[in-house]
Amino acid sequence: MNSMSGQGQKSRTTLGRRDFLEALGIVGAATLLGGCETTPGGKGGMHSDKPNVILIVADDMGYGELGIQGSKDIPTPNIDSIAHNGVRFTNGYVSCPICSPTRAGLMTGRYQQRFGHELNPGPADEANPEFGLPLSETTIPERLKSLGYATGMFGKWHLGFRPELQPTKRGFDEFYGFLAGAHPYLRAAGGPQNAIMRGTEPVADMDYTTDAFTREAVSFIDRHKKDPFFLYLPYNAVHAPLESLQKYLSRFEGITDKKRRTFAAMLSALDDGVGQVLGKVRALGLEKDTLIFFISDNGGPTSQTTSGNAPLRGFKAQVLEGGIRIPFLMQWKGRLPEGKVVDTPVISLDIHPTILAAVGAPAPQDKPLDGVDLLPHLNGKKNAPPHGRLFWRFGEQSAIRMGDWKMLKMAKGDSQLYNLAEDIAEGNDLAVQNPEKLKELQTAYDAWNATLVPPRWKRGAQGQQRQDGSQKVRPRRKPKNAG
């Protein structure tokens, strides 16, 4: 079919979730999702057939930085609670080891290399004019808005600067945040094309971005508690620059390394923010009506921020596990198992089709999604792994995972081969011992690669992406109360 926006105008008033499922001949999916009847403390039947959706994205968080992932020095009880009350994927991936391409794949449910969104653009004032998620692609908020959802985004966009590419033109009713890839935490100004904005207008004042984005998100939930809503909350925490408030720094006086202490404070503020969002959902009695996701956009750039990826090898901007395997959590009280740990590989591209299935919307036919609906895999309706193969292409780097096997190639050097079930740290290259397996994976990768288009831009005047994935942030006067 064509873009769902036209069809959605009709669906807004005539089709509920069960109607969609009946139209598709998959009424059984209602049972799969745990039913769609009104739940005690829920929305009283007004919108319970259309669950709310909350998608929280951390920035540059390492695989090993949550308590639920094994971290010992920075408590993250609120983020961890999503795993306790839902599902944790130990092999959760993003489609790129850097910010903007991952977000392009996340918003569309398609490998971003299919439409040339392969690389970061560089700083806002140096970005290629072509940079941005093309209008030929349909975003998840556009699909949900056409179904009657209130849509709000609070945080980092990084998918285009031109007016037609900004959030309020790509499906969001409300936007409070910034357009580029990084921003100071303690002031609204951020350089050319990168002010903190409400809608399309720059704001003059702001306190701490993490706190501000949280307040906007909580307000959005409160104002739309009687509507089906989609909340996209892409924090800039814990991306550089390392800045915090004393109230968060004081929690970590035992950490003597200044960089690590500030990172800990930033992560703690992020966890507080997630707690406030979850608390508002709980206070309004919406937990059973709300599907929640939490991911990071890529692995941590350890040398830059201390964000750790243990036990994985590699960092942000690398197709090693440390660049692409991330914390991946999912909760839907009463619909999904609680405390479930899933070891089969999934990818951030799956979030888009999973949301469509949850709200009862048909998958697009004109541009098939690369992600898959995870719900039947979590409710025991499907026993096969969600994916047989996952792929990555990032400039001169490439990778494929097929079962436990992963082949990768860095910008320089030969192809490497690892069995991740036996070697999660990618320390034992098995390419020489297994030439047939290497050939099998290479053939599969080549077939996928042949379906892609070249990158539509390269990085700006800064040149090549650094191996730790860091982005240069020009020195500025130290903000008041910064750590």
Protein backbone atom coordinates (compact mmCIF):
# COMPACT_ATOMS: atom_id res chain seq x y z
CA MET A 1 0.00 0.00 0.00
CA ASN A 2 0.98 3.64 -0.16
CA SER A 3 1.83 5.70 2.91
CA MET A 4 -0.62 4.93 5.70
CA SER A 5 -1.36 8.60 6.35
CA GLY A 6 -4.28 8.72 3.92
CA GLN A 7 -5.75 5.44 5.03
CA GLY A 8 -5.28 6.46 8.64
CA GLN A 9 -7.73 9.35 8.32
CA LYS A 10 -10.48 6.83 7.76
CA SER A 11 -9.11 4.46 10.37
CA ARG A 12 -9.18 7.16 13.03
CA THR A 13 -12.95 7.06 13.22
CA THR A 14 -13.98 3.67 11.90
CA LEU A 15 -11.39 1.07 12.74
CA GLY A 16 -10.37 -0.10 16.19
CA ARG A 17 -7.65 -2.56 16.98
CA ARG A 18 -9.86 -5.63 16.72
CA ASP A 19 -11.31 -4.33 13.43
CA PHE A 20 -7.82 -4.15 11.99
CA LEU A 21 -7.09 -7.69 13.14
CA GLU A 22 -10.37 -8.99 11.73
CA ALA A 23 -9.71 -7.26 8.45
CA LEU A 24 -6.38 -9.01 8.31
CA GLY A 25 -7.83 -12.34 9.32
CA ILE A 26 -5.72 -12.54 12.46
CA VAL A 27 -8.24 -12.18 15.25
CA GLY A 28 -6.20 -14.71 17.16
CA ALA A 29 -3.61 -12.03 17.63
CA ALA A 30 -5.93 -10.40 20.14
CA THR A 31 -5.47 -13.43 22.36
CA LEU A 32 -1.75 -13.30 21.71
CA LEU A 33 -1.63 -9.77 23.07
CA GLY A 34 -3.55 -10.71 26.18
CA GLY A 35 -6.86 -9.30 24.97
CA CYS A 36 -7.89 -5.71 24.61
CA GLU A 37 -10.65 -5.41 27.18
CA THR A 38 -10.72 -2.68 29.78
CA THR A 39 -8.42 -3.39 32.71
CA PRO A 40 -9.01 -2.24 36.30
CA GLY A 41 -7.51 1.21 36.76
CA GLY A 42 -7.17 1.59 33.00
CA LYS A 43 -8.86 4.04 30.66
CA GLY A 44 -12.39 2.89 31.38
CA GLY A 45 -12.83 1.50 27.86
CA MET A 46 -12.24 4.81 26.09
CA HIS A 47 -9.04 3.83 24.32
CA SER A 48 -7.99 0.49 25.80
CA ASP A 49 -8.06 -1.09 22.33
CA LYS A 50 -5.22 1.27 21.35
CA PRO A 51 -2.38 1.00 23.85
CA ASN A 52 -0.14 3.94 24.60
CA VAL A 53 3.45 3.57 23.47
CA ILE A 54 6.52 5.02 25.18
CA LEU A 55 9.91 4.74 23.47
CA ILE A 56 12.86 5.88 25.60
CA VAL A 57 16.30 6.14 23.99
CA ALA A 58 19.51 6.79 25.92
CA ASP A 59 22.45 8.32 24.05
CA ASP A 60 25.85 6.57 24.03
CA MET A 61 25.00 4.30 26.96
CA GLY A 62 27.32 1.31 27.14
CA TYR A 63 26.07 -2.27 27.24
CA GLY A 64 27.34 -2.77 30.79
CA GLU A 65 26.15 0.46 32.46
CA LEU A 66 22.83 -0.66 33.95
CA GLY A 67 22.42 -2.57 37.18
CA ILE A 68 20.38 -5.16 35.31
CA GLN A 69 23.32 -5.54 32.93
CA GLY A 70 25.85 -6.08 35.72
CA SER A 71 26.99 -2.57 36.66
CA LYS A 72 27.96 -2.16 40.33
CA ASP A 73 28.92 1.50 40.78
CA ILE A 74 25.91 3.41 39.40
CA PRO A 75 22.46 2.36 40.65
CA THR A 76 19.76 2.42 37.95
CA PRO A 77 16.69 1.00 39.75
CA ASN A 78 14.10 2.74 37.59
CA ILE A 79 15.47 1.62 34.24
CA ASP A 80 16.09 -1.83 35.71
CA SER A 81 12.43 -2.02 36.73
CA ILE A 82 11.43 -2.19 33.05
CA ALA A 83 13.33 -5.48 32.84
CA HIS A 84 11.90 -6.74 36.14
CA ASN A 85 8.37 -5.95 34.98
CA GLY A 86 8.93 -7.07 31.41
CA VAL A 87 11.55 -8.47 29.08
CA ARG A 88 15.32 -8.02 28.80
CA PHE A 89 17.05 -8.96 25.55
CA THR A 90 20.66 -9.96 26.15
CA ASN A 91 21.34 -9.91 22.39
CA GLY A 92 19.64 -6.63 21.57
CA TYR A 93 21.20 -4.66 18.72
CA VAL A 94 20.91 -1.35 16.95
CA SER A 95 21.26 -1.06 13.19
CA CYS A 96 24.32 1.21 13.34
CA PRO A 97 27.07 1.97 15.88
CA ILE A 98 26.43 5.73 15.74
CA CYS A 99 23.56 8.09 16.47
CA SER A 100 21.77 9.39 13.39
CA PRO A 101 21.63 6.23 11.25
CA THR A 102 20.32 4.22 14.20
CA ARG A 103 17.53 6.76 14.68
CA ALA A 104 16.66 6.65 10.97
CA GLY A 105 16.26 2.88 11.18
CA LEU A 106 14.33 3.14 14.44
CA MET A 107 11.83 5.65 13.06
CA THR A 108 11.21 3.70 9.83
CA GLY A 109 11.66 0.03 10.78
CA ARG A 110 13.91 -0.33 7.74
CA TYR A 111 17.64 -0.69 7.31
CA GLN A 112 18.65 2.93 6.85
CA GLN A 113 21.15 1.99 4.13
CA ARG A 114 18.14 1.29 1.91
CA PHE A 115 17.58 5.04 1.64
CA GLY A 116 21.16 6.30 1.99
CA HIS A 117 21.08 7.37 5.66
CA GLU A 118 24.28 5.51 6.46
CA LEU A 119 26.57 8.04 8.15
CA ASN A 120 26.48 10.83 10.71
CA PRO A 121 26.48 14.32 9.20
CA GLY A 122 29.09 15.93 11.45
CA PRO A 123 28.39 19.09 13.50
CA ALA A 124 25.24 21.02 12.68
CA ASP A 125 27.07 23.94 11.06
CA GLU A 126 29.15 21.60 8.87
CA ALA A 127 26.49 19.07 7.85
CA ASN A 128 25.86 18.22 4.23
CA PRO A 129 22.75 20.07 2.98
CA GLU A 130 21.31 16.70 1.91
CA PHE A 131 21.38 15.36 5.45
CA GLY A 132 18.09 14.16 6.86
CA LEU A 133 15.54 11.36 6.89
CA PRO A 134 14.06 11.51 3.37
CA LEU A 135 10.40 12.35 2.91
CA SER A 136 10.00 9.14 0.93
CA GLU A 137 10.13 7.23 4.24
CA THR A 138 7.21 6.99 6.66
CA THR A 139 7.92 7.35 10.38
CA ILE A 140 6.23 5.54 13.24
CA PRO A 141 4.68 8.78 14.61
CA GLU A 142 3.21 9.48 11.16
CA ARG A 143 1.59 6.05 11.15
CA LEU A 144 0.28 6.42 14.70
CA LYS A 145 -0.94 9.98 14.22
CA SER A 146 -3.03 8.79 11.30
CA LEU A 147 -4.68 6.32 13.70
CA GLY A 148 -5.74 9.04 16.13
CA TYR A 149 -2.70 9.02 18.43
CA ALA A 150 -1.36 12.11 20.16
CA THR A 151 2.35 12.17 19.37
CA GLY A 152 5.08 13.94 21.34
CA MET A 153 8.86 14.01 21.18
CA PHE A 154 11.17 15.47 23.82
CA GLY A 155 14.92 15.34 23.30
CA LYS A 156 17.43 14.76 20.50
CA TRP A 157 16.23 14.55 16.88
CA HIS A 158 19.35 14.23 14.66
CA LEU A 159 17.33 13.42 11.54
CA GLY A 160 17.40 16.68 9.62
CA PHE A 161 17.63 20.48 9.93
CA ARG A 162 15.53 21.72 7.02
CA PRO A 163 12.00 22.84 8.00
CA GLU A 164 10.31 19.97 6.17
CA LEU A 165 12.52 17.43 7.99
CA GLN A 166 11.94 18.65 11.54
CA PRO A 167 9.89 16.65 14.06
CA THR A 168 6.62 18.58 13.71
CA LYS A 169 6.68 17.80 9.98
CA ARG A 170 7.48 14.11 10.51
CA GLY A 171 4.51 13.09 12.62
CA PHE A 172 4.95 14.75 16.00
CA ASP A 173 2.24 17.03 17.36
CA GLU A 174 4.63 18.32 20.02
CA PHE A 175 8.40 18.76 20.07
CA TYR A 176 10.73 20.13 22.70
CA GLY A 177 14.40 19.44 22.10
CA PHE A 178 17.23 20.02 19.65
CA LEU A 179 17.97 19.01 16.08
CA ALA A 180 21.67 18.11 16.03
CA GLY A 181 23.74 15.27 17.48
CA ALA A 182 24.95 16.85 20.71
CA HIS A 183 23.99 19.75 22.95
CA PRO A 184 25.15 21.35 26.20
CA TYR A 185 23.09 20.25 29.19
CA LEU A 186 22.82 23.58 30.96
CA ARG A 187 21.85 26.19 28.42
CA ALA A 188 19.37 26.55 25.61
CA ALA A 189 21.79 27.92 23.02
CA GLY A 190 23.70 25.31 21.09
CA GLY A 191 25.26 26.97 18.07
CA PRO A 192 23.90 27.38 14.54
CA GLN A 193 20.83 25.21 13.81
CA ASN A 194 20.97 23.68 17.29
CA ALA A 195 19.03 25.70 19.84
CA ILE A 196 16.63 24.06 22.24
CA MET A 197 13.28 24.47 20.49
CA ARG A 198 9.61 24.21 21.33
CA GLY A 199 7.97 23.26 18.09
CA THR A 200 9.85 25.34 15.55
CA GLU A 201 10.77 28.25 17.83
CA PRO A 202 13.96 28.52 19.91
CA VAL A 203 13.51 28.88 23.65
CA ALA A 204 15.46 31.49 25.58
CA ASP A 205 15.99 29.67 28.86
CA MET A 206 16.41 26.16 30.20
CA ASP A 207 17.85 24.41 33.24
CA TYR A 208 19.23 20.86 32.78
CA THR A 209 18.27 19.05 29.58
CA THR A 210 17.65 15.68 31.26
CA ASP A 211 15.30 17.24 33.80
CA ALA A 212 13.64 19.44 31.18
CA PHE A 213 12.92 16.57 28.77
CA THR A 214 11.53 14.53 31.66
CA ARG A 215 9.18 17.31 32.75
CA GLU A 216 7.91 17.75 29.21
CA ALA A 217 7.33 14.02 28.86
CA VAL A 218 5.47 13.74 32.17
CA SER A 219 3.32 16.73 31.24
CA PHE A 220 2.53 15.17 27.87
CA ILE A 221 1.39 11.93 29.54
CA ASP A 222 -0.77 13.83 31.99
CA ARG A 223 -2.40 15.96 29.29
CA HIS A 224 -3.14 12.93 27.08
CA LYS A 225 -4.09 10.39 29.70
CA LYS A 226 -7.51 9.93 28.10
CA ASP A 227 -6.11 9.63 24.57
CA PRO A 228 -3.97 6.97 22.98
CA PHE A 229 -0.52 8.55 22.88
CA PHE A 230 2.94 7.89 21.48
CA LEU A 231 5.76 9.37 23.56
CA TYR A 232 9.24 9.41 22.05
CA LEU A 233 11.81 10.38 24.69
CA PRO A 234 15.33 10.40 23.19
CA TYR A 235 17.48 11.87 25.98
CA ASN A 236 20.87 13.34 25.13
CA ALA A 237 22.19 11.69 28.29
CA VAL A 238 24.77 10.24 28.58
CA HIS A 239 26.39 11.75 25.46
CA ALA A 240 29.26 14.23 25.81
CA PRO A 241 29.83 16.93 26.96
CA LEU A 242 30.05 15.63 30.52
CA GLU A 243 27.95 18.09 32.54
CA SER A 244 25.81 17.63 35.60
CA LEU A 245 24.22 19.38 38.57
CA GLN A 246 25.56 19.29 42.10
CA LYS A 247 22.46 17.47 43.35
CA TYR A 248 23.39 14.52 41.16
CA LEU A 249 27.15 14.78 41.66
CA SER A 250 26.71 14.64 45.44
CA ARG A 251 25.41 11.09 45.12
CA PHE A 252 28.81 9.88 43.96
CA GLU A 253 31.34 11.50 46.25
CA GLY A 254 33.07 8.14 46.58
CA ILE A 255 34.07 8.18 42.89
CA THR A 256 37.38 10.02 42.74
CA ASP A 257 37.82 10.10 38.96
CA LYS A 258 36.14 13.36 37.91
CA LYS A 259 35.10 12.10 34.49
CA ARG A 260 33.56 8.93 35.89
CA ARG A 261 31.86 10.83 38.69
CA THR A 262 30.22 13.22 36.25
CA PHE A 263 29.14 10.36 34.02
CA ALA A 264 27.64 8.60 37.04
CA ALA A 265 25.71 11.75 37.94
CA MET A 266 24.40 12.06 34.38
CA LEU A 267 23.27 8.45 34.30
CA SER A 268 21.64 8.81 37.72
CA ALA A 269 19.71 11.86 36.46
CA LEU A 270 18.59 9.83 33.47
CA ASP A 271 17.42 7.02 35.74
CA ASP A 272 15.50 9.54 37.86
CA GLY A 273 13.82 10.83 34.71
CA VAL A 274 12.78 7.36 33.60
CA GLY A 275 11.43 6.81 37.11
CA GLN A 276 9.27 9.93 36.87
CA VAL A 277 7.84 8.81 33.53
CA LEU A 278 7.10 5.31 34.81
CA GLY A 279 5.68 6.78 38.01
CA LYS A 280 3.25 8.99 36.09
CA VAL A 281 2.04 6.03 34.02
CA ARG A 282 1.55 4.03 37.22
CA ALA A 283 -0.20 6.87 39.07
CA LEU A 284 -2.69 7.28 36.23
CA GLY A 285 -3.46 3.56 36.20
CA LEU A 286 -2.12 3.17 32.66
CA GLU A 287 0.49 0.43 33.08
CA LYS A 288 -1.68 -2.24 31.46
CA ASP A 289 -2.50 0.15 28.63
CA THR A 290 1.09 1.15 27.88
CA LEU A 291 3.80 -0.59 25.88
CA ILE A 292 7.26 0.66 26.91
CA PHE A 293 10.65 0.27 25.24
CA PHE A 294 14.09 1.31 26.49
CA ILE A 295 17.24 1.14 24.36
CA SER A 296 20.50 2.99 23.76
CA ASP A 297 21.28 4.32 20.29
CA ASN A 298 24.71 2.66 20.21
CA GLY A 299 27.49 1.44 22.44
CA GLY A 300 29.52 3.66 24.72
CA PRO A 301 32.56 5.72 23.66
CA THR A 302 34.54 4.64 26.71
CA SER A 303 37.62 6.83 26.34
CA GLN A 304 35.46 9.92 25.92
CA THR A 305 32.85 9.46 28.65
CA THR A 306 33.84 6.25 30.59
CA SER A 307 30.63 4.55 29.38
CA GLY A 308 31.51 0.87 29.49
CA ASN A 309 30.51 -1.99 27.19
CA ALA A 310 31.81 -4.91 29.27
CA PRO A 311 32.02 -7.80 28.60
CA LEU A 312 31.95 -6.80 24.94
CA ARG A 313 34.85 -5.76 22.75
CA GLY A 314 34.76 -2.46 20.92
CA PHE A 315 33.10 0.93 21.22
CA LYS A 316 30.76 3.36 19.56
CA ALA A 317 31.47 3.73 15.80
CA GLN A 318 32.63 0.11 15.47
CA VAL A 319 30.69 -2.92 14.24
CA LEU A 320 32.28 -4.95 17.01
CA GLU A 321 29.74 -6.02 19.65
CA GLY A 322 30.62 -3.07 21.89
CA GLY A 323 29.41 -0.66 19.20
CA ILE A 324 26.13 -2.32 18.22
CA ARG A 325 24.88 -4.50 21.11
CA ILE A 326 22.97 -2.37 23.61
CA PRO A 327 20.60 -2.54 26.59
CA PHE A 328 17.20 -3.48 25.14
CA LEU A 329 14.20 -3.62 27.51
CA MET A 330 10.46 -3.95 26.92
CA GLN A 331 7.42 -3.83 29.23
CA TRP A 332 3.68 -4.24 28.81
CA LYS A 333 2.06 -5.17 32.11
CA GLY A 334 -0.46 -7.97 31.78
CA ARG A 335 0.44 -8.58 28.12
CA LEU A 336 4.08 -9.64 28.28
CA PRO A 337 5.87 -11.97 30.71
CA GLU A 338 7.52 -10.29 33.68
CA GLY A 339 11.19 -10.84 34.40
CA LYS A 340 11.73 -12.74 31.15
CA VAL A 341 15.26 -12.88 29.73
CA VAL A 342 15.55 -13.51 26.00
CA ASP A 343 18.87 -14.56 24.49
CA THR A 344 17.94 -14.75 20.80
CA PRO A 345 19.05 -11.72 18.72
CA VAL A 346 16.68 -8.80 18.13
CA ILE A 347 17.31 -5.37 16.64
CA SER A 348 15.96 -1.85 17.09
CA LEU A 349 14.28 -2.16 13.68
CA ASP A 350 11.83 -4.54 15.40
CA ILE A 351 10.32 -1.78 17.52
CA HIS A 352 8.41 -0.22 14.61
CA PRO A 353 6.54 -3.38 13.49
CA THR A 354 6.00 -4.44 17.10
CA ILE A 355 4.24 -1.14 17.78
CA LEU A 356 2.10 -1.54 14.66
CA ALA A 357 1.05 -5.03 15.76
CA ALA A 358 0.30 -3.83 19.29
CA VAL A 359 -2.04 -1.11 18.06
CA GLY A 360 -3.63 -3.39 15.47
CA ALA A 361 -2.33 -1.60 12.39
CA PRO A 362 -1.39 -3.51 9.23
CA ALA A 363 2.22 -3.54 8.13
CA PRO A 364 3.00 -1.41 5.06
CA GLN A 365 3.17 -3.21 1.74
CA ASP A 366 4.81 -0.59 -0.46
CA LYS A 367 8.07 -0.61 1.49
CA PRO A 368 8.27 -3.76 3.61
CA LEU A 369 9.79 -3.38 7.04
CA ASP A 370 13.05 -5.12 7.89
CA GLY A 371 12.10 -5.45 11.55
CA VAL A 372 9.66 -8.07 12.81
CA ASP A 373 6.84 -8.10 15.35
CA LEU A 374 8.34 -9.42 18.59
CA LEU A 375 5.05 -10.06 20.41
CA PRO A 376 4.39 -13.64 19.23
CA HIS A 377 7.98 -14.58 20.06
CA LEU A 378 7.49 -13.33 23.61
CA ASN A 379 4.12 -14.96 24.19
CA GLY A 380 5.10 -18.41 22.97
CA LYS A 381 3.11 -18.27 19.71
CA LYS A 382 6.29 -18.54 17.66
CA ASN A 383 9.22 -20.67 18.72
CA ALA A 384 11.62 -19.79 15.90
CA PRO A 385 14.07 -16.92 16.48
CA PRO A 386 12.79 -13.55 15.22
CA HIS A 387 15.72 -13.27 12.82
CA GLY A 388 17.84 -15.71 10.89
CA ARG A 389 20.27 -12.97 9.90
CA LEU A 390 21.12 -9.44 10.99
CA PHE A 391 23.29 -7.06 8.95
CA TRP A 392 25.38 -3.94 9.40
CA ARG A 393 27.11 -1.62 6.93
CA PHE A 394 28.77 1.51 8.20
CA GLY A 395 31.04 3.07 5.59
CA GLU A 396 33.98 0.72 5.16
CA GLN A 397 32.89 -1.46 8.07
CA SER A 398 30.48 -4.36 7.71
CA ALA A 399 29.07 -7.27 9.69
CA ILE A 400 26.54 -10.07 9.59
CA ARG A 401 25.22 -12.26 12.40
CA MET A 402 23.70 -15.62 11.48
CA GLY A 403 22.77 -17.72 14.49
CA ASP A 404 25.75 -17.75 16.83
CA TRP A 405 28.17 -16.83 14.05
CA LYS A 406 29.28 -13.32 13.25
CA MET A 407 31.49 -12.12 10.41
CA LEU A 408 32.84 -8.59 10.50
CA LYS A 409 35.26 -6.41 8.64
CA MET A 410 36.72 -3.22 10.00
CA ALA A 411 37.85 -0.34 7.78
CA LYS A 412 41.22 -2.03 7.36
CA GLY A 413 42.15 -5.68 7.50
CA ASP A 414 40.64 -9.03 6.58
CA SER A 415 37.25 -10.43 7.46
CA GLN A 416 36.98 -11.85 10.97
CA LEU A 417 34.74 -14.69 12.18
CA TYR A 418 33.50 -15.32 15.72
CA ASN A 419 31.19 -17.74 17.50
CA LEU A 420 29.40 -15.39 19.89
CA ALA A 421 27.89 -18.19 21.96
CA GLU A 422 31.40 -19.23 22.94
CA ASP A 423 33.21 -15.92 22.59
CA ILE A 424 31.07 -12.91 23.45
CA ALA A 425 34.19 -10.71 23.64
CA GLU A 426 35.21 -11.53 20.04
CA GLY A 427 38.67 -12.52 21.12
CA ASN A 428 39.19 -15.69 19.04
CA ASP A 429 39.05 -15.13 15.28
CA LEU A 430 37.96 -18.42 13.66
CA ALA A 431 38.12 -17.29 10.02
CA VAL A 432 41.13 -19.44 9.09
CA GLN A 433 39.73 -22.57 10.74
CA ASN A 434 36.27 -22.20 9.18
CA PRO A 435 36.58 -21.07 5.56
CA GLU A 436 33.23 -22.58 4.53
CA LYS A 437 31.35 -20.79 7.29
CA LEU A 438 33.11 -17.55 6.38
CA LYS A 439 32.08 -18.04 2.76
CA GLU A 440 28.48 -18.76 3.75
CA LEU A 441 28.22 -15.56 5.74
CA GLN A 442 29.97 -13.53 3.06
CA THR A 443 27.55 -14.79 0.41
CA ALA A 444 24.56 -13.84 2.58
CA TYR A 445 26.03 -10.41 3.31
CA ASP A 446 26.77 -9.76 -0.37
CA ALA A 447 23.16 -10.58 -1.31
CA TRP A 448 21.86 -8.11 1.28
CA ASN A 449 24.41 -5.47 0.35
CA ALA A 450 23.31 -5.65 -3.28
CA THR A 451 19.87 -4.32 -2.25
CA LEU A 452 21.27 -1.11 -0.72
CA VAL A 453 22.09 2.32 -2.09
CA PRO A 454 25.26 4.38 -1.57
CA PRO A 455 25.42 6.86 1.33
CA ARG A 456 23.70 10.12 0.44
CA TRP A 457 26.33 12.19 2.30
CA LYS A 458 29.64 11.94 4.08
CA ARG A 459 30.59 13.61 7.30
CA GLY A 460 31.10 17.36 7.24
CA ALA A 461 34.39 19.23 7.21
CA GLN A 462 35.54 17.36 10.30
CA GLY A 463 36.39 14.37 8.12
CA GLN A 464 36.32 10.74 9.18
CA GLN A 465 34.35 9.43 12.15
CA ARG A 466 36.74 8.77 15.02
CA GLN A 467 37.01 5.17 16.14
CA ASP A 468 35.57 5.94 19.58
CA GLY A 469 32.62 7.63 17.91
CA SER A 470 33.23 10.94 19.63
CA GLN A 471 31.92 14.18 18.22
CA LYS A 472 33.88 17.35 18.67
CA VAL A 473 32.11 19.81 20.93
CA ARG A 474 33.63 23.25 20.76
CA PRO A 475 34.97 24.55 24.09
CA ARG A 476 32.52 26.79 25.86
CA ARG A 477 32.48 28.73 29.07
CA LYS A 478 31.71 26.33 31.89
CA PRO A 479 28.00 26.67 32.70
CA LYS A 480 26.93 27.58 36.19
CA ASN A 481 26.42 24.55 38.45
CA ALA A 482 28.07 22.23 35.91
CA GLY A 483 30.17 19.34 37.12
